[in-house]
Amino acid sequence: MGTHNFDEIVKRYNTESRKWDNIGEVFGDTSVLPLWIADMDFASPPAVLKAIQAKAAHGVFGYPARRTSLHESVMRWAKVRHHWTLKSEWISTAPGVVSSISAAVLALTEPGDSIIIQPPVYPPFFSCVRNNGRKIVENALKNNHGYYEFAFADLEAKIDDTVRMIVLCSPHNPVGRVWREEELCRLADICLKHQIIILADEIHHDLVFSGHKHTPLASLSPEIAHATVTFMAASKTFNVAGLNTSFIITPDPVKRKKINKLLHNLEIGKTTIFGGAAAEAAYTDGEEWLEELLVYLENNADYIVSYAEQHLPGVKVIKPEGTYLAWLDFRDIFSQSDQLSNFLTKEAKVGLNDGLSFGCQGEGFARLNFGCPRSIIQEALQRIERAIKNLQR
């Protein structure tokens, strides 16, 4: 038994929680149990709460200075947790990973350029490309009976002289893959061969389960590092997404200059007082909490897989290798996503992410966020089980 109680129910209604307070707007029914948007229902680590409380107690919230200690904490965390040696000048700050990806798209490509994404994948990847006047090229992952892999032959076939960039999700949201080093090397070799810039969204990098290891893409070689822009944050790991602080790691000085110029021009290359304090505290004193969290999350994942096998006929789920997101396959029951969506919200009364929002490859799937006390997962799965039984009557 650890020192942190992840079974505790933290009431989130009426706390300006998008996940809990917007369920009526999102799902059309306030009785839906929300397991959708990717934040957790756990309190952040004590060290983070203490740091925020100390800032609040000071009472003056003026413009923050650049925090050398914050950069040092990021560097220390990358070295200790991921065996990746960073330099301080590589690190830029921004409000969040999605806005950072958009900034990199704008800074490093031109309107009309093509950018590769690998669906089913995090929905903002689509908008970061389209909304900035670039063209999407889909290099869909291969689904081998629920286990997803890169489609390297298709990737090579899709590359033409308009492709300038690829956006990598590592670990992958929503399919839960933690890419092996040899997979990443092969992907990077293709990109180097064709002079393609790699944007590596590694926001889930700390959330990896036993038997697996996250490898920062840019740590593989100096050549790969110079082709890569990495995005990371404490937000998923330590549940501080609402504090709007993330980090852009750009080893190549030419790319870094372009990105920093854009961040400066848009006035978004800053942290907030609370966000910077929370991230530094998390990276300095949050490791023990994280180790206990990982055990709890992996037990949640095991519970979901076991429950589906025993009680949810027609629903398939492969245990994720990382993240706190389960990718549920309902295709043996529903052939269309609108049928599945109606079933989940109106019959089962659970709020999951529609698989179709991750690309057409997600039709018939739903994403379940298991970053919550097990009792919530139990209730959600029981609701789905009862609804399936009602279908069979």
Protein backbone atom coordinates (compact mmCIF):
# COMPACT_ATOMS: atom_id res chain seq x y z
CA MET A 1 0.00 0.00 0.00
CA GLY A 2 1.46 3.36 -1.05
CA THR A 3 1.29 6.65 0.78
CA HIS A 4 -1.05 8.24 -1.76
CA ASN A 5 -4.73 7.29 -1.90
CA PHE A 6 -5.75 7.10 -5.55
CA ASP A 7 -9.03 5.47 -4.58
CA GLU A 8 -10.22 8.75 -3.06
CA ILE A 9 -13.10 10.39 -4.92
CA VAL A 10 -12.34 14.06 -5.50
CA LYS A 11 -15.60 15.87 -6.25
CA ARG A 12 -15.17 17.79 -9.50
CA TYR A 13 -18.69 19.00 -10.23
CA ASN A 14 -19.00 22.80 -10.09
CA THR A 15 -15.24 23.31 -10.15
CA GLU A 16 -15.05 24.65 -13.74
CA SER A 17 -14.00 21.19 -14.86
CA ARG A 18 -14.54 20.74 -18.58
CA LYS A 19 -14.61 16.99 -18.08
CA TRP A 20 -17.37 17.02 -15.45
CA ASP A 21 -19.22 20.32 -15.77
CA ASN A 22 -19.62 20.24 -19.56
CA ILE A 23 -21.11 16.75 -19.86
CA GLY A 24 -24.60 18.10 -20.54
CA GLU A 25 -23.28 20.23 -23.37
CA VAL A 26 -21.01 17.51 -24.80
CA PHE A 27 -23.20 14.43 -24.35
CA GLY A 28 -26.68 15.94 -24.01
CA ASP A 29 -27.29 14.26 -20.65
CA THR A 30 -25.99 15.30 -17.24
CA SER A 31 -26.37 11.76 -15.90
CA VAL A 32 -23.58 10.49 -18.16
CA LEU A 33 -20.47 9.29 -16.30
CA PRO A 34 -17.51 11.14 -17.89
CA LEU A 35 -14.41 9.20 -18.89
CA TRP A 36 -13.45 11.25 -21.91
CA ILE A 37 -11.12 14.27 -21.99
CA ALA A 38 -7.57 13.37 -20.95
CA ASP A 39 -7.14 14.77 -17.49
CA MET A 40 -7.16 12.66 -14.35
CA ASP A 41 -9.53 12.66 -11.40
CA PHE A 42 -6.69 12.52 -8.87
CA ALA A 43 -5.36 15.39 -6.80
CA SER A 44 -1.93 16.55 -7.97
CA PRO A 45 1.14 15.59 -5.90
CA PRO A 46 1.54 17.24 -2.47
CA ALA A 47 4.70 19.00 -3.66
CA VAL A 48 2.75 20.65 -6.47
CA LEU A 49 -0.07 21.73 -4.16
CA LYS A 50 2.45 23.15 -1.69
CA ALA A 51 4.21 25.16 -4.40
CA ILE A 52 0.94 26.62 -5.68
CA GLN A 53 -0.25 27.44 -2.18
CA ALA A 54 3.03 29.22 -1.45
CA LYS A 55 2.63 31.38 -4.56
CA ALA A 56 -1.00 32.13 -3.68
CA ALA A 57 -0.06 33.08 -0.12
CA HIS A 58 2.37 35.71 -1.42
CA GLY A 59 -0.59 37.62 -2.82
CA VAL A 60 1.15 39.45 -5.67
CA PHE A 61 0.74 37.97 -9.14
CA GLY A 62 2.75 40.23 -11.42
CA TYR A 63 4.62 39.36 -14.60
CA PRO A 64 6.92 36.37 -13.99
CA ALA A 65 10.61 36.39 -14.82
CA ARG A 66 12.31 33.55 -16.68
CA ARG A 67 12.92 30.79 -14.14
CA THR A 68 16.40 29.31 -14.52
CA SER A 69 15.48 26.76 -11.88
CA LEU A 70 12.49 25.65 -13.97
CA HIS A 71 14.71 24.85 -16.94
CA GLU A 72 17.12 23.04 -14.64
CA SER A 73 14.27 20.90 -13.32
CA VAL A 74 13.21 19.99 -16.87
CA MET A 75 16.78 19.05 -17.73
CA ARG A 76 17.19 16.98 -14.58
CA TRP A 77 13.89 15.16 -15.18
CA ALA A 78 14.79 14.32 -18.79
CA LYS A 79 18.15 12.96 -17.66
CA VAL A 80 16.92 10.93 -14.69
CA ARG A 81 13.68 9.56 -16.15
CA HIS A 82 14.57 9.26 -19.83
CA HIS A 83 18.38 9.25 -20.04
CA TRP A 84 18.24 12.28 -22.30
CA THR A 85 20.76 15.09 -21.86
CA LEU A 86 19.32 18.51 -22.69
CA LYS A 87 20.91 21.93 -22.93
CA SER A 88 19.14 24.89 -21.38
CA GLU A 89 19.15 26.88 -24.61
CA TRP A 90 17.18 24.13 -26.34
CA ILE A 91 14.17 24.74 -24.08
CA SER A 92 11.38 27.16 -24.95
CA THR A 93 8.16 27.60 -23.00
CA ALA A 94 4.60 27.90 -24.27
CA PRO A 95 1.05 27.60 -22.88
CA GLY A 96 0.44 24.05 -24.11
CA VAL A 97 1.53 21.31 -26.47
CA VAL A 98 -1.24 21.88 -29.02
CA SER A 99 -0.48 25.58 -29.38
CA SER A 100 3.22 24.69 -29.54
CA ILE A 101 2.65 22.24 -32.39
CA SER A 102 0.69 24.90 -34.27
CA ALA A 103 3.53 27.36 -33.66
CA ALA A 104 6.07 24.89 -35.05
CA VAL A 105 3.88 24.22 -38.09
CA LEU A 106 3.69 27.95 -38.79
CA ALA A 107 7.38 28.59 -38.12
CA LEU A 108 8.88 25.66 -40.03
CA THR A 109 6.57 25.12 -43.02
CA GLU A 110 4.83 27.21 -45.66
CA PRO A 111 1.15 27.41 -46.67
CA GLY A 112 0.31 24.55 -48.98
CA ASP A 113 3.04 22.26 -47.63
CA SER A 114 2.03 18.70 -46.76
CA ILE A 115 2.34 17.29 -43.25
CA ILE A 116 2.04 13.61 -42.37
CA ILE A 117 -0.02 12.39 -39.42
CA GLN A 118 -0.56 8.78 -38.32
CA PRO A 119 -4.20 8.09 -37.46
CA PRO A 120 -6.05 7.02 -35.49
CA VAL A 121 -4.47 9.88 -33.58
CA TYR A 122 -5.12 12.77 -31.19
CA PRO A 123 -7.74 14.97 -32.93
CA PRO A 124 -5.90 18.33 -32.63
CA PHE A 125 -3.19 17.00 -34.94
CA PHE A 126 -5.73 17.36 -37.75
CA SER A 127 -6.64 20.93 -36.83
CA CYS A 128 -3.03 22.02 -36.23
CA VAL A 129 -2.38 21.20 -39.87
CA ARG A 130 -5.64 22.24 -41.55
CA ASN A 131 -6.26 25.43 -39.58
CA ASN A 132 -2.82 26.71 -40.52
CA GLY A 133 -3.26 26.26 -44.25
CA ARG A 134 -1.24 23.06 -44.64
CA LYS A 135 -2.32 19.79 -46.24
CA ILE A 136 -2.78 16.54 -44.33
CA VAL A 137 -1.23 13.33 -45.60
CA GLU A 138 -2.47 10.29 -43.69
CA ASN A 139 -0.05 7.47 -42.98
CA ALA A 140 -2.44 5.28 -41.00
CA LEU A 141 -1.09 2.89 -38.39
CA LYS A 142 -1.47 -0.82 -39.12
CA ASN A 143 -3.95 -2.54 -36.83
CA ASN A 144 -2.81 -6.10 -36.28
CA HIS A 145 -5.63 -7.58 -34.20
CA GLY A 146 -5.58 -4.60 -31.84
CA TYR A 147 -1.81 -4.12 -31.79
CA TYR A 148 -0.82 -1.06 -33.80
CA GLU A 149 2.41 -0.59 -35.74
CA PHE A 150 3.92 1.98 -38.08
CA ALA A 151 3.13 1.40 -41.76
CA PHE A 152 6.60 2.07 -43.12
CA ALA A 153 5.99 1.04 -46.73
CA ASP A 154 2.93 3.28 -46.88
CA LEU A 155 4.93 6.12 -45.32
CA GLU A 156 7.59 5.91 -48.02
CA ALA A 157 4.90 5.76 -50.70
CA LYS A 158 3.14 8.86 -49.35
CA ILE A 159 6.23 11.07 -49.33
CA ASP A 160 6.53 13.45 -52.28
CA ASP A 161 8.21 16.80 -52.82
CA THR A 162 5.42 18.65 -50.98
CA VAL A 163 5.90 16.79 -47.67
CA ARG A 164 7.89 18.87 -45.20
CA MET A 165 6.94 17.48 -41.80
CA ILE A 166 5.53 14.56 -39.81
CA VAL A 167 3.79 14.74 -36.45
CA LEU A 168 4.63 11.80 -34.20
CA CYS A 169 2.58 10.82 -31.15
CA SER A 170 4.89 9.04 -28.69
CA PRO A 171 3.56 7.34 -26.59
CA HIS A 172 0.56 7.12 -28.85
CA ASN A 173 -2.85 8.56 -28.07
CA PRO A 174 -5.29 6.77 -28.39
CA VAL A 175 -3.86 3.31 -29.14
CA GLY A 176 -1.48 3.21 -26.17
CA ARG A 177 1.66 2.11 -28.00
CA VAL A 178 5.05 2.92 -26.47
CA TRP A 179 7.21 2.80 -29.56
CA ARG A 180 10.29 0.60 -29.40
CA GLU A 181 13.68 2.10 -30.15
CA GLU A 182 14.07 0.12 -33.37
CA GLU A 183 10.67 1.37 -34.60
CA LEU A 184 11.62 4.96 -33.89
CA CYS A 185 15.02 4.54 -35.57
CA ARG A 186 13.41 3.24 -38.74
CA LEU A 187 10.88 6.08 -38.77
CA ALA A 188 13.62 8.65 -38.20
CA ASP A 189 15.84 7.15 -40.92
CA ILE A 190 13.03 7.59 -43.45
CA CYS A 191 12.54 11.20 -42.36
CA LEU A 192 16.26 11.97 -42.52
CA LYS A 193 16.46 10.41 -45.98
CA HIS A 194 13.71 12.74 -47.24
CA GLN A 195 14.69 15.77 -45.11
CA ILE A 196 11.40 15.75 -43.24
CA ILE A 197 11.08 17.64 -39.96
CA ILE A 198 9.69 15.56 -37.09
CA LEU A 199 7.38 17.08 -34.48
CA ALA A 200 7.39 14.64 -31.57
CA ASP A 201 4.47 15.03 -29.16
CA GLU A 202 5.83 13.22 -26.11
CA ILE A 203 3.43 14.61 -23.52
CA HIS A 204 2.59 11.08 -22.25
CA HIS A 205 6.28 10.13 -21.95
CA ASP A 206 6.21 9.55 -18.18
CA LEU A 207 3.13 7.32 -18.27
CA VAL A 208 4.65 4.01 -19.30
CA PHE A 209 3.84 0.59 -17.82
CA SER A 210 6.03 -2.31 -16.73
CA GLY A 211 7.98 -4.04 -19.48
CA HIS A 212 8.08 -0.94 -21.67
CA LYS A 213 10.39 2.06 -21.97
CA HIS A 214 9.84 5.44 -23.52
CA THR A 215 12.66 6.55 -25.79
CA PRO A 216 12.77 10.27 -26.63
CA LEU A 217 13.14 10.36 -30.39
CA ALA A 218 15.70 13.16 -30.26
CA SER A 219 17.92 11.12 -27.93
CA LEU A 220 18.69 8.52 -30.62
CA SER A 221 21.43 10.45 -32.44
CA PRO A 222 22.64 14.03 -33.05
CA GLU A 223 21.31 13.84 -36.62
CA ILE A 224 17.85 12.79 -35.46
CA ALA A 225 17.91 15.45 -32.71
CA HIS A 226 18.54 18.19 -35.26
CA ALA A 227 15.58 16.99 -37.35
CA THR A 228 13.26 16.82 -34.33
CA VAL A 229 11.24 19.28 -32.28
CA THR A 230 9.97 17.65 -29.08
CA PHE A 231 6.96 18.75 -27.04
CA MET A 232 6.59 17.83 -23.37
CA ALA A 233 4.82 19.03 -20.25
CA ALA A 234 4.05 18.09 -16.68
CA SER A 235 0.34 18.40 -17.43
CA LYS A 236 -0.58 14.77 -18.15
CA THR A 237 1.88 13.23 -15.69
CA PHE A 238 0.97 15.36 -12.69
CA ASN A 239 -2.55 16.46 -13.64
CA VAL A 240 -1.86 20.17 -14.04
CA ALA A 241 -3.25 20.75 -17.56
CA GLY A 242 -5.24 23.78 -16.40
CA LEU A 243 -2.04 25.65 -15.49
CA ASN A 244 -1.03 26.06 -19.15
CA THR A 245 2.70 25.39 -19.16
CA SER A 246 4.63 23.27 -21.66
CA PHE A 247 8.11 22.94 -23.09
CA ILE A 248 9.47 22.87 -26.64
CA ILE A 249 12.84 21.17 -27.05
CA THR A 250 14.67 22.22 -30.23
CA PRO A 251 18.34 21.20 -30.51
CA ASP A 252 18.80 22.68 -33.99
CA PRO A 253 19.54 26.43 -33.65
CA VAL A 254 17.99 27.36 -37.01
CA LYS A 255 14.66 25.74 -36.19
CA ARG A 256 14.81 27.06 -32.63
CA LYS A 257 15.34 30.64 -33.83
CA LYS A 258 12.31 30.41 -36.12
CA ILE A 259 10.09 28.92 -33.41
CA ASN A 260 11.20 31.42 -30.76
CA LYS A 261 10.62 34.32 -33.14
CA LEU A 262 7.05 33.17 -33.72
CA LEU A 263 6.44 32.63 -29.98
CA HIS A 264 7.78 36.13 -29.34
CA ASN A 265 5.67 37.69 -32.10
CA LEU A 266 2.53 36.01 -30.74
CA GLU A 267 3.49 36.83 -27.14
CA ILE A 268 2.99 33.22 -26.04
CA GLY A 269 6.52 32.16 -25.13
CA LYS A 270 5.97 32.52 -21.40
CA THR A 271 4.86 30.56 -18.38
CA THR A 272 2.44 31.66 -15.67
CA ILE A 273 3.47 32.11 -12.06
CA PHE A 274 1.46 29.09 -10.98
CA GLY A 275 2.24 26.93 -14.00
CA GLY A 276 5.98 27.38 -13.69
CA ALA A 277 5.96 26.75 -9.95
CA ALA A 278 3.84 23.62 -10.37
CA ALA A 279 6.02 22.15 -13.13
CA GLU A 280 9.22 22.81 -11.22
CA ALA A 281 7.83 21.24 -8.04
CA ALA A 282 6.57 18.24 -9.98
CA TYR A 283 9.88 17.62 -11.72
CA THR A 284 11.82 18.18 -8.48
CA ASP A 285 9.74 16.34 -5.88
CA GLY A 286 7.05 14.41 -7.75
CA GLU A 287 8.83 11.17 -8.64
CA GLU A 288 7.66 9.10 -5.65
CA TRP A 289 4.04 10.12 -6.33
CA LEU A 290 4.47 9.22 -10.00
CA GLU A 291 5.81 5.75 -9.22
CA GLU A 292 2.73 5.00 -7.12
CA LEU A 293 0.46 6.48 -9.78
CA LEU A 294 1.94 4.21 -12.46
CA VAL A 295 1.19 1.10 -10.39
CA TYR A 296 -2.39 2.25 -9.87
CA LEU A 297 -2.93 3.12 -13.53
CA GLU A 298 -1.52 -0.19 -14.72
CA ASN A 299 -3.83 -2.02 -12.32
CA ASN A 300 -6.71 -0.01 -13.80
CA ALA A 301 -5.66 -1.08 -17.29
CA ASP A 302 -5.48 -4.72 -16.22
CA TYR A 303 -8.91 -4.45 -14.63
CA ILE A 304 -10.46 -3.06 -17.84
CA VAL A 305 -8.95 -5.78 -20.02
CA SER A 306 -10.05 -8.53 -17.62
CA TYR A 307 -13.55 -7.11 -17.23
CA ALA A 308 -14.04 -6.79 -20.98
CA GLU A 309 -12.93 -10.37 -21.54
CA GLN A 310 -15.31 -11.71 -18.89
CA HIS A 311 -18.35 -9.44 -19.09
CA LEU A 312 -18.43 -7.40 -22.31
CA PRO A 313 -19.11 -9.78 -25.22
CA GLY A 314 -18.22 -8.18 -28.53
CA VAL A 315 -15.92 -5.57 -26.96
CA LYS A 316 -12.18 -5.99 -27.49
CA VAL A 317 -9.45 -4.10 -25.73
CA ILE A 318 -5.69 -4.60 -25.80
CA LYS A 319 -3.82 -3.48 -22.70
CA PRO A 320 -2.09 -0.19 -23.47
CA GLU A 321 1.67 -0.03 -23.01
CA GLY A 322 1.39 3.50 -21.65
CA THR A 323 -0.89 6.55 -21.15
CA TYR A 324 -4.13 6.29 -19.15
CA LEU A 325 -6.28 5.75 -22.23
CA ALA A 326 -7.94 2.50 -23.33
CA TRP A 327 -8.95 1.98 -26.97
CA LEU A 328 -12.16 -0.06 -26.95
CA ASP A 329 -13.17 -1.91 -30.12
CA PHE A 330 -16.97 -2.25 -30.46
CA ARG A 331 -16.98 -3.20 -34.15
CA ASP A 332 -18.38 -6.67 -33.50
CA ILE A 333 -21.50 -4.97 -32.13
CA PHE A 334 -21.76 -1.69 -34.06
CA SER A 335 -20.84 -1.06 -37.67
CA GLN A 336 -21.25 2.71 -37.49
CA SER A 337 -19.93 5.26 -35.01
CA ASP A 338 -23.23 7.08 -34.62
CA GLN A 339 -24.84 3.83 -33.45
CA LEU A 340 -22.01 3.30 -30.96
CA SER A 341 -22.15 6.89 -29.75
CA ASN A 342 -25.90 6.70 -29.16
CA PHE A 343 -25.50 3.38 -27.36
CA LEU A 344 -22.81 4.69 -25.00
CA THR A 345 -24.47 7.98 -24.13
CA LYS A 346 -28.17 7.09 -24.24
CA GLU A 347 -28.17 3.44 -23.19
CA ALA A 348 -25.02 2.91 -21.12
CA LYS A 349 -24.88 6.51 -19.85
CA VAL A 350 -21.10 6.75 -20.13
CA GLY A 351 -19.18 9.54 -21.80
CA LEU A 352 -16.27 8.26 -23.86
CA ASN A 353 -14.48 9.85 -26.81
CA ASP A 354 -15.94 8.86 -30.18
CA GLY A 355 -13.30 6.89 -32.07
CA LEU A 356 -14.22 8.63 -35.31
CA SER A 357 -12.80 11.90 -33.93
CA PHE A 358 -9.34 10.28 -34.15
CA GLY A 359 -9.75 9.68 -37.88
CA CYS A 360 -11.82 7.36 -40.04
CA GLN A 361 -9.69 4.47 -38.74
CA GLY A 362 -11.41 4.95 -35.37
CA GLU A 363 -14.92 4.12 -36.58
CA GLY A 364 -16.44 1.58 -34.22
CA PHE A 365 -13.98 2.42 -31.43
CA ALA A 366 -14.24 4.55 -28.30
CA ARG A 367 -11.51 5.94 -26.04
CA LEU A 368 -11.89 5.47 -22.29
CA ASN A 369 -9.90 7.58 -19.83
CA PHE A 370 -8.93 5.37 -16.87
CA GLY A 371 -7.04 8.09 -14.99
CA CYS A 372 -9.56 7.91 -12.16
CA PRO A 373 -10.42 5.92 -9.02
CA ARG A 374 -11.20 2.29 -9.80
CA SER A 375 -14.72 2.63 -8.45
CA ILE A 376 -15.53 5.01 -11.32
CA ILE A 377 -14.18 2.52 -13.85
CA GLN A 378 -16.16 -0.27 -12.23
CA GLU A 379 -19.36 1.75 -12.45
CA ALA A 380 -18.71 2.67 -16.09
CA LEU A 381 -18.01 -0.91 -17.15
CA GLN A 382 -21.04 -2.19 -15.28
CA ARG A 383 -23.20 0.35 -17.11
CA ILE A 384 -21.80 -0.83 -20.45
CA GLU A 385 -22.38 -4.46 -19.47
CA ARG A 386 -26.02 -3.82 -18.56
CA ALA A 387 -26.59 -1.92 -21.80
CA ILE A 388 -25.11 -4.78 -23.87
CA LYS A 389 -27.37 -7.27 -22.11
CA ASN A 390 -30.37 -5.09 -22.94
CA LEU A 391 -29.32 -5.10 -26.60
CA GLN A 392 -29.37 -8.89 -26.62
CA ARG A 393 -32.89 -9.22 -25.27
